[in-house]
Amino acid sequence: MGAGSWGTTFTKLLHDAGGEVVLWGRRREVVEAVNERHENPDYLPGVTLPEGVRATLDPAEALRGADFVALAVPAQTLRQNLAAWVPLLPPDAVLVSLMKGVELGTSRRMSEVICEVADVPEERAGVFCGPNLAREVAGGEPGAAVAACVDEDAAQRLQAATMTPYFRVYTSTDVVGCELGGAVKNIVALCVGMSVGLGFGASTQALLMTRGLAEIARLGAALGADEHTFAGLAGMGDLVGTCMSPLSRNRTFGENLGRGMTLEQVVAVTKQTAEGVKSSEAVLELARKHNVEMPITEAVTAVLHHGMPIKEAAIALISRSPKPERYGV
């Protein structure tokens, strides 16, 4: 449900794994391009989609008889979109979040929004996450991800539905950790991008990624996540991929800011959603509710939403009062 770059890529992945899949899109020109030309030129130009992939404008047609419903809309629109689809959902379908964000105003993770809006138990809410840059996965490059659900059987069924010769899928029951890893790494990637735009090198990027991982792990510990999750694909893997690749929307967004573009200018040239921009406020609110210190998240939020100059934020981040911290934390 959602014909952006990752929604389209996940559709191809399900097809390549041997499944029957339907892609729902809200724009007629995108749906027609998928059905008639087997491509999504707006989001994945140059990628040929299998002939077995079909798209529709009708959510009822897309949802009819589905075993899995993959939700690939922008995080801040999930509540509104899902509310409209609830009457059409198959009674036993697993609802899978492909989104990497935290809801503004409620600080809820996407699986929590799914359970609340669709009125389903957490056993029917799954998460698919990892270092998954859409164009690379769509091109069949070797990759991997994590299928997470508190119901281990559901996680294994999602794994089976997405495994291909070029794409390996692992399972987890740590939904909280997987979702936090996916949401917070976008904020860290924004910060890494800003540092690149300012002309800083690999040492600074390594610093931000390492300390960013520490922020993710601290918040995860406060919310009951498994600390081992953050050393895997859903934590470090997703963080490194998003922070280092020029294909990353969040890194590119931050890089443009670091080069001197205004927030309005960057938004205007960014064709797809950079989830970390809006989620930064929600993640910071969540951290404050649980008394978790997240200085990188604070700095990014100050730049994006409170007008703090990037160089001033960088100085404040590095020169803040030292605290006793264990190495590696």
Protein backbone atom coordinates (compact mmCIF):
# COMPACT_ATOMS: atom_id res chain seq x y z
CA MET A 1 0.00 0.00 0.00
CA GLY A 2 2.05 2.87 -1.38
CA ALA A 3 3.79 3.13 -4.76
CA GLY A 4 6.87 5.13 -3.80
CA SER A 5 10.37 3.78 -4.32
CA TRP A 6 10.40 1.36 -1.36
CA GLY A 7 6.78 0.27 -1.78
CA THR A 8 7.46 -0.53 -5.43
CA THR A 9 10.72 -2.29 -4.58
CA PHE A 10 9.06 -4.39 -1.89
CA THR A 11 6.38 -5.37 -4.42
CA LYS A 12 9.10 -6.61 -6.76
CA LEU A 13 10.76 -8.46 -3.88
CA LEU A 14 7.54 -10.29 -2.99
CA HIS A 15 7.06 -11.22 -6.65
CA ASP A 16 10.64 -12.45 -6.99
CA ALA A 17 10.12 -14.58 -3.89
CA GLY A 18 7.26 -16.36 -5.66
CA GLY A 19 4.28 -14.49 -4.27
CA GLU A 20 1.22 -13.00 -5.93
CA VAL A 21 1.29 -9.29 -5.18
CA VAL A 22 -0.75 -6.18 -5.97
CA LEU A 23 0.61 -2.63 -5.63
CA TRP A 24 -1.78 0.14 -4.59
CA GLY A 25 -0.98 3.68 -5.68
CA ARG A 26 -2.87 6.93 -5.33
CA ARG A 27 -1.69 8.47 -8.63
CA ARG A 28 -3.20 7.21 -11.87
CA GLU A 29 -0.09 7.93 -13.95
CA VAL A 30 2.07 5.78 -11.67
CA VAL A 31 -0.41 2.88 -11.70
CA GLU A 32 -0.71 3.03 -15.49
CA ALA A 33 3.07 3.10 -15.92
CA VAL A 34 3.45 -0.02 -13.74
CA ASN A 35 0.70 -1.91 -15.60
CA GLU A 36 1.46 -0.80 -19.15
CA ARG A 37 5.22 -0.12 -19.22
CA HIS A 38 6.34 -2.23 -16.24
CA GLU A 39 8.18 0.64 -14.60
CA ASN A 40 7.71 3.37 -12.02
CA PRO A 41 9.52 6.25 -13.73
CA ASP A 42 8.80 8.78 -10.98
CA TYR A 43 10.44 6.75 -8.21
CA LEU A 44 12.56 4.03 -9.82
CA PRO A 45 13.52 5.27 -13.29
CA GLY A 46 15.36 2.68 -15.34
CA VAL A 47 14.21 -0.30 -13.26
CA THR A 48 12.12 -2.86 -15.16
CA LEU A 49 9.40 -4.47 -13.08
CA PRO A 50 8.28 -8.08 -13.66
CA GLU A 51 5.24 -8.49 -15.87
CA GLY A 52 3.52 -10.32 -13.01
CA VAL A 53 3.52 -7.13 -10.90
CA ARG A 54 0.24 -5.27 -11.27
CA ALA A 55 -0.97 -2.04 -9.74
CA THR A 56 -4.37 -0.60 -8.89
CA LEU A 57 -5.98 2.63 -7.73
CA ASP A 58 -8.60 0.63 -5.83
CA PRO A 59 -7.59 -0.23 -2.24
CA ALA A 60 -10.34 -2.87 -2.02
CA GLU A 61 -8.87 -4.70 -5.02
CA ALA A 62 -5.36 -4.51 -3.58
CA LEU A 63 -6.38 -5.80 -0.15
CA ARG A 64 -8.76 -8.57 -1.19
CA GLY A 65 -7.55 -11.95 0.12
CA ALA A 66 -4.13 -10.69 1.22
CA ASP A 67 -2.02 -12.69 3.67
CA PHE A 68 0.29 -9.71 4.21
CA VAL A 69 -0.53 -6.02 3.90
CA ALA A 70 2.67 -4.00 3.53
CA LEU A 71 2.19 -0.36 4.49
CA ALA A 72 4.57 1.95 2.62
CA VAL A 73 3.09 5.42 3.02
CA PRO A 74 4.89 8.34 4.72
CA ALA A 75 4.94 7.76 8.48
CA GLN A 76 2.99 10.90 9.33
CA THR A 77 0.14 9.88 6.98
CA LEU A 78 -0.22 6.31 8.25
CA ARG A 79 -3.02 7.01 10.73
CA GLN A 80 -5.24 8.76 8.19
CA ASN A 81 -4.59 6.28 5.38
CA LEU A 82 -5.00 3.17 7.50
CA ALA A 83 -8.26 4.42 9.03
CA ALA A 84 -9.74 4.52 5.53
CA TRP A 85 -8.53 0.99 4.75
CA VAL A 86 -9.60 -0.72 7.98
CA PRO A 87 -13.01 -1.90 6.67
CA LEU A 88 -11.23 -3.55 3.73
CA LEU A 89 -8.53 -5.44 5.65
CA PRO A 90 -8.67 -9.26 5.51
CA PRO A 91 -9.44 -10.58 9.01
CA ASP A 92 -6.24 -12.59 9.43
CA ALA A 93 -3.72 -10.56 7.45
CA VAL A 94 -0.43 -9.56 9.04
CA LEU A 95 0.01 -5.79 8.71
CA VAL A 96 3.65 -5.04 7.91
CA SER A 97 5.24 -1.65 8.45
CA LEU A 98 7.80 -0.61 5.86
CA MET A 99 7.97 2.85 7.43
CA LYS A 100 10.83 4.22 9.51
CA GLY A 101 9.46 7.00 11.64
CA VAL A 102 7.74 7.98 14.88
CA GLU A 103 4.36 9.69 14.88
CA LEU A 104 4.26 13.38 15.71
CA GLY A 105 2.01 14.30 18.61
CA THR A 106 1.79 10.78 20.06
CA SER A 107 5.44 9.58 19.86
CA ARG A 108 4.08 6.19 18.82
CA ARG A 109 6.04 3.74 16.76
CA MET A 110 4.44 2.66 13.51
CA SER A 111 3.44 -0.79 14.79
CA GLU A 112 1.70 0.91 17.71
CA VAL A 113 -0.25 3.13 15.32
CA ILE A 114 -1.18 0.05 13.27
CA CYS A 115 -2.48 -1.83 16.32
CA GLU A 116 -4.42 1.18 17.56
CA VAL A 117 -6.04 2.22 14.27
CA ALA A 118 -6.72 -1.27 12.90
CA ASP A 119 -7.66 -2.62 16.35
CA VAL A 120 -5.47 -5.70 15.95
CA PRO A 121 -3.26 -7.49 18.52
CA GLU A 122 0.48 -6.93 18.31
CA GLU A 123 0.84 -10.47 16.95
CA ARG A 124 -0.64 -9.18 13.68
CA ALA A 125 1.71 -6.20 13.32
CA GLY A 126 5.07 -6.84 11.69
CA VAL A 127 8.08 -4.74 10.72
CA PHE A 128 10.45 -5.13 7.77
CA CYS A 129 13.71 -3.25 8.25
CA GLY A 130 17.41 -3.13 7.54
CA PRO A 131 19.92 -1.43 5.22
CA ASN A 132 17.56 -1.41 2.27
CA LEU A 133 18.26 1.31 -0.28
CA ALA A 134 15.41 0.88 -2.74
CA ARG A 135 17.31 1.28 -6.01
CA GLU A 136 19.95 -1.27 -5.02
CA VAL A 137 17.40 -3.86 -3.88
CA ALA A 138 15.24 -3.25 -6.96
CA GLY A 139 18.32 -3.82 -9.10
CA GLY A 140 18.85 -7.25 -7.58
CA GLU A 141 22.04 -6.38 -5.71
CA PRO A 142 22.84 -8.72 -2.80
CA GLY A 143 21.07 -7.50 0.32
CA ALA A 144 19.41 -8.50 3.55
CA ALA A 145 16.73 -7.39 5.98
CA VAL A 146 14.96 -8.33 9.20
CA ALA A 147 11.35 -9.52 9.40
CA ALA A 148 10.18 -8.75 12.92
CA CYS A 149 7.01 -9.66 14.81
CA VAL A 150 6.31 -10.61 18.40
CA ASP A 151 4.68 -13.72 16.92
CA GLU A 152 7.68 -15.76 15.79
CA ASP A 153 5.55 -17.82 13.39
CA ALA A 154 4.34 -14.64 11.65
CA ALA A 155 7.94 -13.40 11.39
CA GLN A 156 8.97 -16.69 9.78
CA ARG A 157 6.09 -16.53 7.30
CA LEU A 158 7.12 -13.00 6.34
CA GLN A 159 10.68 -14.23 5.97
CA ALA A 160 9.54 -16.99 3.61
CA ALA A 161 7.48 -14.50 1.59
CA THR A 162 10.47 -12.20 0.96
CA MET A 163 13.52 -14.47 0.59
CA THR A 164 15.03 -14.53 -2.91
CA PRO A 165 18.35 -15.78 -4.37
CA TYR A 166 19.71 -12.22 -4.06
CA PHE A 167 18.04 -11.13 -0.83
CA ARG A 168 18.36 -12.82 2.56
CA VAL A 169 15.89 -12.21 5.38
CA TYR A 170 16.46 -12.84 9.09
CA THR A 171 13.76 -12.96 11.77
CA SER A 172 13.36 -11.21 15.11
CA THR A 173 10.72 -10.84 17.79
CA ASP A 174 12.19 -7.50 18.93
CA VAL A 175 9.76 -5.16 17.18
CA VAL A 176 10.64 -2.25 19.48
CA GLY A 177 14.36 -2.44 18.73
CA CYS A 178 13.88 -2.86 15.00
CA GLU A 179 11.55 0.13 14.78
CA LEU A 180 13.74 2.40 16.88
CA GLY A 181 16.81 1.48 14.84
CA GLY A 182 14.98 2.41 11.65
CA ALA A 183 13.53 5.66 12.95
CA VAL A 184 16.52 7.14 14.76
CA LYS A 185 19.11 6.27 12.11
CA ASN A 186 17.35 8.72 9.78
CA ILE A 187 18.05 11.52 12.24
CA VAL A 188 21.69 10.51 12.56
CA ALA A 189 21.94 10.40 8.75
CA LEU A 190 20.66 13.96 8.58
CA CYS A 191 23.45 14.98 10.94
CA VAL A 192 26.08 13.04 8.98
CA GLY A 193 24.85 14.69 5.80
CA MET A 194 25.16 18.13 7.38
CA SER A 195 28.75 17.33 8.36
CA VAL A 196 29.56 16.29 4.79
CA GLY A 197 27.96 19.46 3.45
CA LEU A 198 30.13 21.48 5.81
CA GLY A 199 33.21 19.78 4.38
CA PHE A 200 34.04 17.51 7.32
CA GLY A 201 35.64 14.15 6.63
CA ALA A 202 35.43 10.49 7.61
CA SER A 203 36.51 10.98 11.21
CA THR A 204 33.56 13.25 11.90
CA GLN A 205 31.19 10.91 10.10
CA ALA A 206 32.48 7.95 12.12
CA LEU A 207 32.06 9.95 15.32
CA LEU A 208 28.44 10.81 14.51
CA MET A 209 27.53 7.28 13.46
CA THR A 210 29.10 5.71 16.54
CA ARG A 211 27.54 8.17 18.96
CA GLY A 212 24.29 7.97 17.02
CA LEU A 213 24.24 4.23 17.57
CA ALA A 214 24.74 4.90 21.28
CA GLU A 215 21.67 7.15 21.26
CA ILE A 216 19.61 4.47 19.53
CA ALA A 217 20.75 1.86 22.05
CA ARG A 218 20.01 4.12 25.06
CA LEU A 219 16.49 4.82 23.88
CA GLY A 220 16.00 1.15 23.05
CA ALA A 221 17.10 0.08 26.52
CA ALA A 222 14.63 2.50 28.09
CA LEU A 223 11.80 1.05 26.00
CA GLY A 224 12.68 -2.60 26.63
CA ALA A 225 14.39 -3.49 23.35
CA ASP A 226 16.99 -6.25 23.05
CA GLU A 227 20.43 -4.59 23.02
CA HIS A 228 21.71 -7.19 20.54
CA THR A 229 19.31 -5.85 17.91
CA PHE A 230 21.37 -2.69 17.56
CA ALA A 231 24.50 -4.62 16.62
CA GLY A 232 22.69 -6.24 13.69
CA LEU A 233 21.07 -5.31 10.39
CA ALA A 234 18.21 -3.38 12.00
CA GLY A 235 20.64 -1.27 14.04
CA MET A 236 24.20 -0.79 12.85
CA GLY A 237 23.48 -2.14 9.37
CA ASP A 238 20.65 0.28 8.65
CA LEU A 239 22.55 3.14 10.26
CA VAL A 240 25.69 2.65 8.14
CA GLY A 241 23.75 2.23 4.91
CA THR A 242 21.65 5.34 5.45
CA CYS A 243 24.50 7.52 6.67
CA MET A 244 27.00 6.58 3.96
CA SER A 245 25.03 6.27 0.73
CA PRO A 246 24.29 9.17 -1.63
CA LEU A 247 21.06 7.30 -2.38
CA SER A 248 19.90 8.02 1.18
CA ARG A 249 17.21 10.69 1.26
CA ASN A 250 18.04 11.76 4.80
CA ARG A 251 21.79 12.03 4.23
CA THR A 252 21.21 14.00 1.02
CA PHE A 253 18.74 16.29 2.79
CA GLY A 254 21.30 17.03 5.50
CA GLU A 255 24.09 17.47 2.95
CA ASN A 256 22.09 20.15 1.13
CA LEU A 257 21.52 21.97 4.41
CA GLY A 258 25.22 21.80 5.22
CA ARG A 259 26.08 23.33 1.85
CA GLY A 260 24.05 26.40 2.71
CA MET A 261 20.59 25.77 1.29
CA THR A 262 17.68 26.91 3.44
CA LEU A 263 15.25 24.38 4.84
CA GLU A 264 12.60 25.62 2.41
CA GLN A 265 14.97 25.21 -0.54
CA VAL A 266 15.91 21.66 0.46
CA VAL A 267 12.25 20.67 0.89
CA ALA A 268 11.51 22.09 -2.56
CA VAL A 269 14.18 19.97 -4.29
CA THR A 270 13.54 16.79 -2.29
CA LYS A 271 11.17 14.64 -4.33
CA GLN A 272 10.63 11.92 -1.71
CA THR A 273 9.97 11.90 2.02
CA ALA A 274 13.00 12.23 4.30
CA GLU A 275 11.35 10.68 7.36
CA GLY A 276 13.93 11.95 9.83
CA VAL A 277 12.93 15.57 9.27
CA LYS A 278 9.53 15.25 10.91
CA SER A 279 10.33 12.27 13.13
CA SER A 280 13.17 14.13 14.87
CA GLU A 281 10.70 16.08 17.01
CA ALA A 282 8.71 12.95 17.86
CA VAL A 283 11.84 10.95 18.74
CA LEU A 284 13.13 13.77 20.96
CA GLU A 285 9.78 13.94 22.72
CA LEU A 286 9.86 10.18 23.26
CA ALA A 287 13.40 10.41 24.66
CA ARG A 288 12.42 13.16 27.08
CA LYS A 289 9.45 11.15 28.30
CA HIS A 290 11.87 8.40 29.27
CA ASN A 291 14.68 10.69 30.51
CA VAL A 292 17.06 9.53 27.77
CA GLU A 293 19.81 11.90 26.66
CA MET A 294 20.06 12.18 22.85
CA PRO A 295 22.35 15.13 21.99
CA ILE A 296 22.56 14.40 18.24
CA THR A 297 18.79 14.24 18.00
CA GLU A 298 18.55 17.48 19.98
CA ALA A 299 21.01 19.21 17.65
CA VAL A 300 19.23 18.05 14.49
CA THR A 301 15.86 19.10 15.89
CA ALA A 302 17.24 22.52 16.82
CA VAL A 303 18.50 23.06 13.27
CA LEU A 304 15.40 21.77 11.49
CA HIS A 305 12.66 23.14 13.70
CA HIS A 306 14.07 25.97 15.79
CA GLY A 307 16.27 27.86 13.37
CA MET A 308 19.65 27.12 14.96
CA PRO A 309 22.51 27.63 12.46
CA ILE A 310 24.26 24.36 11.63
CA LYS A 311 27.72 25.55 12.65
CA GLU A 312 26.37 26.76 15.98
CA ALA A 313 24.69 23.39 16.53
CA ALA A 314 27.95 21.59 15.70
CA ILE A 315 29.88 23.65 18.25
CA ALA A 316 27.21 23.09 20.90
CA LEU A 317 27.24 19.34 20.23
CA ILE A 318 30.99 18.92 20.52
CA SER A 319 31.62 21.39 23.36
CA ARG A 320 28.82 20.31 25.70
CA SER A 321 29.80 19.51 29.26
CA PRO A 322 31.57 16.14 29.54
CA LYS A 323 29.90 13.38 31.50
CA PRO A 324 31.32 10.08 32.71
CA GLU A 325 30.55 7.60 29.96
CA ARG A 326 31.71 4.06 29.51
CA TYR A 327 33.62 3.31 26.29
CA GLY A 328 31.29 1.85 23.67
CA VAL A 329 28.10 3.24 25.25
